[in-house]
């Protein structure tokens, strides 16, 4: 387990349970405490600030739904890191809410690198 992961807690929201589980396993193999769900509705109703260091939301086919979800999380906790995962054919418009947009088609190592960079940027902003 890499030391730089610092057991950060990551929640993955992906309607495809196989992809969600695969992404969880990839992050766990790099030392992150990752869990996954297939819908964000229950998450919002029981949201606790600081429960996760990062929330990864799969955009699927509707950027609007993902951005609305992101906005709701940020309203509840403005410091919450949120990244959207999107295919190249789903356009995510410039928007202040997601801290990052990660391509779904990138390989596992690049996916983990982007997560790590997101944490690194957030840490440097706090310093």
N, C-alpha and C. Protein backbone atom coordinates (compact mmCIF):
# COMPACT_ATOMS: atom_id res chain seq x y z
N UNK A 1 0.85 -1.19 0.00
CA UNK A 1 0.00 0.00 0.00
C UNK A 1 0.89 1.24 0.00
N UNK A 2 0.69 2.16 -0.95
CA UNK A 2 1.47 3.39 -0.96
C UNK A 2 1.18 4.24 0.27
N UNK A 3 2.23 4.83 0.79
CA UNK A 3 2.07 5.66 1.98
C UNK A 3 1.31 6.94 1.69
N UNK A 4 1.39 7.43 0.44
CA UNK A 4 0.76 8.71 0.14
C UNK A 4 -0.76 8.65 0.09
N UNK A 5 -1.33 7.47 0.11
CA UNK A 5 -2.79 7.38 0.08
C UNK A 5 -3.40 7.83 1.39
N UNK A 6 -2.68 7.72 2.50
CA UNK A 6 -3.13 8.18 3.82
C UNK A 6 -4.54 7.72 4.16
N UNK A 7 -4.94 6.58 3.63
CA UNK A 7 -6.27 6.00 3.89
C UNK A 7 -7.39 7.01 3.70
N UNK A 8 -7.30 7.77 2.65
CA UNK A 8 -8.37 8.70 2.30
C UNK A 8 -9.63 7.91 1.99
N UNK A 9 -10.77 8.43 2.43
CA UNK A 9 -12.06 7.77 2.19
C UNK A 9 -12.68 8.30 0.90
N UNK A 10 -12.99 7.38 0.01
CA UNK A 10 -13.55 7.74 -1.29
C UNK A 10 -14.87 7.00 -1.49
N UNK A 11 -15.88 7.72 -1.93
CA UNK A 11 -17.15 7.12 -2.29
C UNK A 11 -17.31 7.20 -3.80
N UNK A 12 -17.60 6.07 -4.42
CA UNK A 12 -17.85 6.03 -5.86
C UNK A 12 -19.34 5.79 -6.07
N UNK A 13 -19.96 6.67 -6.86
CA UNK A 13 -21.37 6.51 -7.22
C UNK A 13 -21.42 6.21 -8.72
N UNK A 14 -21.81 4.99 -9.03
CA UNK A 14 -21.83 4.54 -10.42
C UNK A 14 -22.99 3.58 -10.59
N UNK A 15 -23.91 3.86 -11.52
CA UNK A 15 -25.06 2.98 -11.70
C UNK A 15 -24.70 1.58 -12.22
N UNK A 16 -23.50 1.41 -12.74
CA UNK A 16 -23.06 0.10 -13.21
C UNK A 16 -22.29 -0.58 -12.07
N UNK A 17 -22.89 -1.56 -11.39
CA UNK A 17 -22.25 -2.16 -10.22
C UNK A 17 -20.90 -2.81 -10.53
N UNK A 18 -20.74 -3.35 -11.72
CA UNK A 18 -19.44 -3.98 -12.06
C UNK A 18 -18.34 -2.93 -12.17
N UNK A 19 -18.64 -1.82 -12.84
CA UNK A 19 -17.63 -0.76 -12.96
C UNK A 19 -17.34 -0.14 -11.60
N UNK A 20 -18.38 0.07 -10.81
CA UNK A 20 -18.19 0.65 -9.48
C UNK A 20 -17.28 -0.24 -8.64
N UNK A 21 -17.56 -1.53 -8.64
CA UNK A 21 -16.75 -2.47 -7.85
C UNK A 21 -15.31 -2.54 -8.36
N UNK A 22 -15.14 -2.50 -9.66
CA UNK A 22 -13.79 -2.51 -10.24
C UNK A 22 -13.01 -1.27 -9.82
N UNK A 23 -13.65 -0.11 -9.91
CA UNK A 23 -12.97 1.13 -9.50
C UNK A 23 -12.63 1.10 -8.00
N UNK A 24 -13.55 0.56 -7.19
CA UNK A 24 -13.27 0.44 -5.75
C UNK A 24 -12.05 -0.43 -5.52
N UNK A 25 -11.99 -1.57 -6.19
CA UNK A 25 -10.86 -2.48 -6.00
C UNK A 25 -9.55 -1.84 -6.44
N UNK A 26 -9.59 -1.09 -7.53
CA UNK A 26 -8.38 -0.40 -8.00
C UNK A 26 -7.89 0.59 -6.94
N UNK A 27 -8.81 1.41 -6.43
CA UNK A 27 -8.42 2.39 -5.41
C UNK A 27 -7.96 1.70 -4.12
N UNK A 28 -8.64 0.64 -3.72
CA UNK A 28 -8.24 -0.09 -2.52
C UNK A 28 -6.86 -0.69 -2.67
N UNK A 29 -6.53 -1.15 -3.87
CA UNK A 29 -5.20 -1.73 -4.09
C UNK A 29 -4.10 -0.67 -4.01
N UNK A 30 -4.48 0.60 -4.08
CA UNK A 30 -3.53 1.70 -3.93
C UNK A 30 -3.62 2.35 -2.55
N UNK A 31 -4.30 1.68 -1.63
CA UNK A 31 -4.30 2.14 -0.25
C UNK A 31 -5.44 3.05 0.16
N UNK A 32 -6.38 3.30 -0.73
CA UNK A 32 -7.50 4.15 -0.38
C UNK A 32 -8.62 3.32 0.26
N UNK A 33 -9.38 3.95 1.11
CA UNK A 33 -10.55 3.33 1.73
C UNK A 33 -11.74 3.68 0.84
N UNK A 34 -12.00 2.83 -0.16
CA UNK A 34 -13.02 3.13 -1.16
C UNK A 34 -14.24 2.25 -0.96
N UNK A 35 -15.40 2.86 -1.17
CA UNK A 35 -16.66 2.11 -1.15
C UNK A 35 -17.49 2.61 -2.33
N UNK A 36 -18.49 1.82 -2.71
CA UNK A 36 -19.26 2.20 -3.87
C UNK A 36 -20.75 1.94 -3.67
N UNK A 37 -21.54 2.76 -4.35
CA UNK A 37 -22.99 2.62 -4.37
C UNK A 37 -23.44 2.84 -5.81
N UNK A 38 -24.65 2.39 -6.12
CA UNK A 38 -25.14 2.54 -7.49
C UNK A 38 -26.07 3.74 -7.68
N UNK A 39 -26.45 4.38 -6.59
CA UNK A 39 -27.30 5.57 -6.70
C UNK A 39 -26.92 6.58 -5.61
N UNK A 40 -27.06 7.85 -5.94
CA UNK A 40 -26.70 8.87 -4.97
C UNK A 40 -27.86 9.35 -4.12
N UNK A 41 -29.07 8.91 -4.42
CA UNK A 41 -30.25 9.41 -3.70
C UNK A 41 -30.17 9.16 -2.20
N UNK A 42 -29.83 7.94 -1.82
CA UNK A 42 -29.74 7.61 -0.39
C UNK A 42 -28.59 8.37 0.27
N UNK A 43 -27.56 8.64 -0.48
CA UNK A 43 -26.40 9.36 0.06
C UNK A 43 -26.82 10.77 0.49
N UNK A 44 -27.57 11.46 -0.35
CA UNK A 44 -27.98 12.82 0.00
C UNK A 44 -28.88 12.85 1.23
N UNK A 45 -29.76 11.89 1.36
CA UNK A 45 -30.69 11.91 2.50
C UNK A 45 -29.99 11.64 3.83
N UNK A 46 -28.86 10.96 3.78
CA UNK A 46 -28.15 10.65 5.03
C UNK A 46 -26.75 11.28 5.06
N UNK A 47 -26.55 12.35 4.28
CA UNK A 47 -25.22 12.95 4.14
C UNK A 47 -24.70 13.51 5.46
N UNK A 48 -23.45 13.20 5.75
CA UNK A 48 -22.74 13.76 6.90
C UNK A 48 -21.48 14.45 6.36
N UNK A 49 -21.32 15.73 6.63
CA UNK A 49 -20.10 16.41 6.17
C UNK A 49 -18.86 15.69 6.68
N UNK A 50 -17.87 15.68 5.83
CA UNK A 50 -16.56 15.07 6.12
C UNK A 50 -16.60 13.54 6.22
N UNK A 51 -17.70 12.92 5.80
CA UNK A 51 -17.78 11.46 5.83
C UNK A 51 -16.80 10.85 4.82
N UNK A 52 -16.58 11.56 3.70
CA UNK A 52 -15.65 11.09 2.67
C UNK A 52 -14.72 12.22 2.29
N UNK A 53 -13.51 11.85 1.95
CA UNK A 53 -12.55 12.85 1.47
C UNK A 53 -12.82 13.22 0.02
N UNK A 54 -13.39 12.27 -0.73
CA UNK A 54 -13.68 12.50 -2.14
C UNK A 54 -14.91 11.70 -2.53
N UNK A 55 -15.78 12.33 -3.33
CA UNK A 55 -16.92 11.63 -3.92
C UNK A 55 -16.72 11.65 -5.43
N UNK A 56 -16.69 10.45 -6.03
CA UNK A 56 -16.56 10.29 -7.47
C UNK A 56 -17.94 9.93 -8.02
N UNK A 57 -18.45 10.73 -8.94
CA UNK A 57 -19.78 10.52 -9.49
C UNK A 57 -19.67 10.21 -10.98
N UNK A 58 -20.18 9.05 -11.38
CA UNK A 58 -20.18 8.70 -12.79
C UNK A 58 -21.30 9.47 -13.48
N UNK A 59 -20.95 10.18 -14.54
CA UNK A 59 -21.91 11.02 -15.24
C UNK A 59 -22.88 10.19 -16.06
N UNK A 60 -22.45 9.07 -16.60
CA UNK A 60 -23.25 8.25 -17.52
C UNK A 60 -23.69 9.12 -18.68
N UNK A 61 -24.98 9.32 -18.87
CA UNK A 61 -25.46 10.03 -20.04
C UNK A 61 -26.05 11.41 -19.72
N UNK A 62 -26.01 11.82 -18.46
CA UNK A 62 -26.63 13.09 -18.10
C UNK A 62 -25.71 13.92 -17.21
N UNK A 63 -25.05 14.86 -17.85
CA UNK A 63 -24.19 15.77 -17.08
C UNK A 63 -25.02 16.61 -16.13
N UNK A 64 -26.24 16.97 -16.55
CA UNK A 64 -27.10 17.81 -15.71
C UNK A 64 -27.40 17.15 -14.37
N UNK A 65 -27.75 15.87 -14.38
CA UNK A 65 -28.04 15.17 -13.12
C UNK A 65 -26.81 15.13 -12.23
N UNK A 66 -25.66 14.84 -12.82
CA UNK A 66 -24.43 14.78 -12.03
C UNK A 66 -24.07 16.14 -11.46
N UNK A 67 -24.25 17.20 -12.25
CA UNK A 67 -23.94 18.55 -11.76
C UNK A 67 -24.91 18.96 -10.66
N UNK A 68 -26.18 18.60 -10.79
CA UNK A 68 -27.15 18.89 -9.73
C UNK A 68 -26.77 18.18 -8.43
N UNK A 69 -26.38 16.92 -8.54
CA UNK A 69 -25.95 16.15 -7.38
C UNK A 69 -24.73 16.82 -6.74
N UNK A 70 -23.78 17.19 -7.59
CA UNK A 70 -22.57 17.86 -7.12
C UNK A 70 -22.93 19.16 -6.39
N UNK A 71 -23.82 19.95 -6.96
CA UNK A 71 -24.25 21.20 -6.32
C UNK A 71 -24.85 20.95 -4.95
N UNK A 72 -25.68 19.91 -4.85
CA UNK A 72 -26.30 19.61 -3.55
C UNK A 72 -25.25 19.23 -2.52
N UNK A 73 -24.27 18.44 -2.92
CA UNK A 73 -23.19 18.10 -1.97
C UNK A 73 -22.42 19.34 -1.53
N UNK A 74 -22.10 20.20 -2.49
CA UNK A 74 -21.34 21.41 -2.17
C UNK A 74 -22.15 22.38 -1.29
N UNK A 75 -23.48 22.39 -1.45
CA UNK A 75 -24.31 23.23 -0.59
C UNK A 75 -24.27 22.73 0.85
N UNK A 76 -24.18 21.43 1.02
CA UNK A 76 -24.14 20.85 2.36
C UNK A 76 -22.74 20.95 2.98
N UNK A 77 -21.72 20.92 2.12
CA UNK A 77 -20.34 21.01 2.61
C UNK A 77 -19.48 21.56 1.48
N UNK A 78 -19.21 22.85 1.51
CA UNK A 78 -18.49 23.50 0.41
C UNK A 78 -17.07 22.98 0.23
N UNK A 79 -16.50 22.38 1.26
CA UNK A 79 -15.13 21.85 1.16
C UNK A 79 -15.08 20.44 0.59
N UNK A 80 -16.23 19.82 0.38
CA UNK A 80 -16.26 18.44 -0.11
C UNK A 80 -15.65 18.36 -1.50
N UNK A 81 -14.67 17.48 -1.69
CA UNK A 81 -14.11 17.24 -3.01
C UNK A 81 -15.06 16.35 -3.80
N UNK A 82 -15.38 16.78 -5.01
CA UNK A 82 -16.26 16.01 -5.89
C UNK A 82 -15.63 15.97 -7.28
N UNK A 83 -15.53 14.77 -7.83
CA UNK A 83 -15.05 14.62 -9.21
C UNK A 83 -16.12 13.88 -10.00
N UNK A 84 -16.29 14.29 -11.24
CA UNK A 84 -17.20 13.61 -12.13
C UNK A 84 -16.40 12.72 -13.07
N UNK A 85 -16.90 11.54 -13.33
CA UNK A 85 -16.29 10.62 -14.30
C UNK A 85 -17.17 10.61 -15.52
N UNK A 86 -16.58 10.90 -16.68
CA UNK A 86 -17.38 11.06 -17.89
C UNK A 86 -16.71 10.40 -19.08
N UNK A 87 -17.53 9.86 -19.99
CA UNK A 87 -17.03 9.40 -21.28
C UNK A 87 -16.74 10.61 -22.16
N UNK A 88 -15.92 10.39 -23.16
CA UNK A 88 -15.58 11.51 -24.04
C UNK A 88 -16.79 12.04 -24.81
N UNK A 89 -17.83 11.23 -25.00
CA UNK A 89 -18.98 11.69 -25.78
C UNK A 89 -20.02 12.42 -24.92
N UNK A 90 -19.82 12.47 -23.62
CA UNK A 90 -20.73 13.22 -22.75
C UNK A 90 -20.03 14.51 -22.36
N UNK A 91 -20.52 15.62 -22.87
CA UNK A 91 -19.90 16.90 -22.59
C UNK A 91 -20.31 17.41 -21.22
N UNK A 92 -19.31 17.72 -20.42
CA UNK A 92 -19.56 18.33 -19.12
C UNK A 92 -19.18 19.80 -19.25
N UNK A 93 -20.17 20.68 -19.20
CA UNK A 93 -19.89 22.10 -19.41
C UNK A 93 -19.02 22.67 -18.29
N UNK A 94 -18.28 23.75 -18.57
CA UNK A 94 -17.52 24.40 -17.51
C UNK A 94 -18.47 24.75 -16.37
N UNK A 95 -18.10 24.38 -15.19
CA UNK A 95 -18.99 24.55 -14.04
C UNK A 95 -18.12 24.61 -12.79
N UNK A 96 -18.45 25.45 -11.83
CA UNK A 96 -17.60 25.56 -10.63
C UNK A 96 -17.71 24.36 -9.68
N UNK A 97 -18.70 23.51 -9.87
CA UNK A 97 -18.92 22.47 -8.88
C UNK A 97 -17.89 21.34 -8.90
N UNK A 98 -17.72 20.59 -9.97
CA UNK A 98 -16.78 19.49 -9.81
C UNK A 98 -15.36 20.02 -9.68
N UNK A 99 -14.63 19.41 -8.78
CA UNK A 99 -13.22 19.79 -8.60
C UNK A 99 -12.37 19.21 -9.72
N UNK A 100 -12.91 18.21 -10.40
CA UNK A 100 -12.18 17.53 -11.48
C UNK A 100 -13.17 16.76 -12.33
N UNK A 101 -12.87 16.62 -13.61
CA UNK A 101 -13.61 15.71 -14.48
C UNK A 101 -12.59 14.67 -14.96
N UNK A 102 -12.88 13.42 -14.69
CA UNK A 102 -11.98 12.32 -15.02
C UNK A 102 -12.60 11.51 -16.14
N UNK A 103 -11.83 11.23 -17.15
CA UNK A 103 -12.32 10.42 -18.26
C UNK A 103 -12.52 8.98 -17.80
N UNK A 104 -13.68 8.41 -18.15
CA UNK A 104 -13.96 7.02 -17.80
C UNK A 104 -13.11 6.06 -18.60
N UNK A 105 -12.59 6.50 -19.73
CA UNK A 105 -11.87 5.60 -20.63
C UNK A 105 -10.38 5.49 -20.34
N UNK A 106 -9.89 6.23 -19.37
CA UNK A 106 -8.48 6.14 -19.03
C UNK A 106 -8.22 4.85 -18.27
N UNK A 107 -7.04 4.33 -18.40
CA UNK A 107 -6.68 3.09 -17.72
C UNK A 107 -6.60 3.27 -16.22
N UNK A 108 -6.48 2.15 -15.49
CA UNK A 108 -6.48 2.19 -14.03
C UNK A 108 -5.37 3.06 -13.42
N UNK A 109 -4.17 2.99 -13.97
CA UNK A 109 -3.07 3.77 -13.39
C UNK A 109 -3.30 5.27 -13.56
N UNK A 110 -3.79 5.66 -14.71
CA UNK A 110 -4.07 7.09 -14.95
C UNK A 110 -5.23 7.56 -14.07
N UNK A 111 -6.22 6.71 -13.87
CA UNK A 111 -7.35 7.00 -12.98
C UNK A 111 -6.83 7.28 -11.57
N UNK A 112 -5.96 6.42 -11.06
CA UNK A 112 -5.40 6.59 -9.71
C UNK A 112 -4.53 7.84 -9.65
N UNK A 113 -3.77 8.11 -10.71
CA UNK A 113 -2.93 9.32 -10.74
C UNK A 113 -3.79 10.58 -10.63
N UNK A 114 -4.91 10.59 -11.34
CA UNK A 114 -5.79 11.77 -11.28
C UNK A 114 -6.40 11.95 -9.89
N UNK A 115 -6.77 10.86 -9.25
CA UNK A 115 -7.30 10.94 -7.88
C UNK A 115 -6.22 11.49 -6.95
N UNK A 116 -5.01 10.97 -7.08
CA UNK A 116 -3.91 11.43 -6.23
C UNK A 116 -3.63 12.92 -6.46
N UNK A 117 -3.60 13.33 -7.72
CA UNK A 117 -3.36 14.75 -8.02
C UNK A 117 -4.45 15.64 -7.45
N UNK A 118 -5.68 15.17 -7.48
CA UNK A 118 -6.79 15.93 -6.90
C UNK A 118 -6.56 16.14 -5.41
N UNK A 119 -6.17 15.09 -4.71
CA UNK A 119 -5.86 15.22 -3.28
C UNK A 119 -4.66 16.14 -3.06
N UNK A 120 -3.63 16.01 -3.90
CA UNK A 120 -2.45 16.86 -3.77
C UNK A 120 -2.81 18.34 -3.93
N UNK A 121 -3.65 18.65 -4.94
CA UNK A 121 -4.07 20.04 -5.15
C UNK A 121 -4.88 20.56 -3.98
N UNK A 122 -5.76 19.73 -3.45
CA UNK A 122 -6.58 20.15 -2.31
C UNK A 122 -5.71 20.41 -1.08
N UNK A 123 -4.70 19.57 -0.88
CA UNK A 123 -3.79 19.74 0.25
C UNK A 123 -2.96 21.02 0.09
N UNK A 124 -2.50 21.29 -1.12
CA UNK A 124 -1.68 22.50 -1.32
C UNK A 124 -2.52 23.76 -1.17
N UNK A 125 -3.82 23.72 -1.49
CA UNK A 125 -4.68 24.88 -1.29
C UNK A 125 -4.88 25.17 0.20
N UNK A 126 -4.89 24.12 1.02
CA UNK A 126 -5.10 24.29 2.46
C UNK A 126 -3.86 24.84 3.14
N UNK A 127 -2.70 24.59 2.55
CA UNK A 127 -1.43 25.01 3.17
C UNK A 127 -1.18 26.48 3.03
